[in-house]
Protein backbone atom coordinates (compact mmCIF):
# COMPACT_ATOMS: atom_id res chain seq x y z
CA MET A 1 -3.13 5.51 -29.35
CA GLU A 2 -0.48 2.83 -29.20
CA VAL A 3 -0.65 -0.14 -26.82
CA TYR A 4 1.89 -2.83 -26.00
CA VAL A 5 0.86 -6.48 -26.03
CA VAL A 6 2.96 -9.12 -24.27
CA LEU A 7 2.59 -12.61 -25.79
CA TYR A 8 3.84 -15.97 -24.50
CA GLU A 9 4.26 -19.07 -26.68
CA HIS A 10 4.13 -22.52 -25.07
CA TYR A 11 6.42 -24.59 -27.29
CA LEU A 12 5.53 -27.99 -25.82
CA GLN A 13 1.78 -27.28 -25.83
CA ASP A 14 1.30 -27.18 -29.60
CA HIS A 15 2.75 -23.64 -29.76
CA ARG A 16 -0.25 -22.22 -27.89
CA ILE A 17 0.04 -18.42 -27.54
CA ASP A 18 -1.31 -16.62 -24.47
CA VAL A 19 -1.78 -12.89 -24.04
CA VAL A 20 0.09 -11.97 -20.87
CA GLY A 21 -1.32 -8.45 -20.91
CA VAL A 22 -2.11 -5.28 -22.83
CA PHE A 23 -0.43 -2.13 -21.53
CA GLU A 24 -0.64 1.59 -22.20
CA ASN A 25 3.03 2.27 -21.45
CA ILE A 26 6.20 0.42 -22.35
CA SER A 27 7.57 0.21 -18.81
CA ASP A 28 4.59 -1.84 -17.61
CA ALA A 29 4.90 -4.07 -20.67
CA GLU A 30 8.61 -4.61 -20.00
CA GLU A 31 7.90 -5.61 -16.40
CA ALA A 32 5.29 -8.15 -17.53
CA TRP A 33 7.72 -9.47 -20.19
CA LYS A 34 10.47 -9.91 -17.58
CA LYS A 35 8.08 -11.70 -15.19
CA ALA A 36 6.86 -14.03 -17.96
CA ARG A 37 10.46 -14.87 -18.93
CA GLU A 38 11.29 -15.84 -15.33
CA ASP A 39 8.81 -18.72 -15.55
CA MET A 40 9.69 -19.89 -19.08
CA ASP A 41 9.86 -23.59 -19.88
CA PHE A 42 12.02 -25.35 -22.47
CA ARG A 43 11.99 -23.50 -25.82
CA ASP A 44 9.09 -21.22 -24.87
CA GLU A 45 9.22 -17.68 -26.23
CA CYS A 46 7.92 -14.32 -25.10
CA TRP A 47 7.38 -11.16 -27.18
CA THR A 48 6.24 -7.59 -26.79
CA VAL A 49 4.42 -6.18 -29.81
CA THR A 50 2.86 -2.79 -30.45
CA LYS A 51 -0.58 -2.07 -31.83
CA ASP A 52 -1.71 1.34 -33.08
CA LEU A 53 -5.39 1.53 -32.17
CA ASN A 54 -5.96 4.64 -34.30
CA ARG A 55 -4.76 3.06 -37.53
CA ASP A 56 -7.65 2.10 -39.79
CA TYR A 57 -10.09 2.51 -36.91
CA GLY A 58 -13.62 2.62 -38.20
CA LYS A 59 -12.72 1.54 -41.73
CA GLU A 60 -14.39 -1.55 -43.07
CA ARG A 61 -12.45 -3.96 -45.22
CA TYR A 62 -14.04 -6.09 -47.89
């Protein structure tokens, strides 16, 4: 299963990164991304990234 994560970086707040939301479909993620960009401050950034939840699920790493 793939999910879409929308992230927001606050440039003037020590580059703090907030998770705007985690979405099952790309259209909901795009709407959240657009809404977050409407309220952006100077040099802030916003991204949408994907995460495959099935990849390496249940495998331990040492």
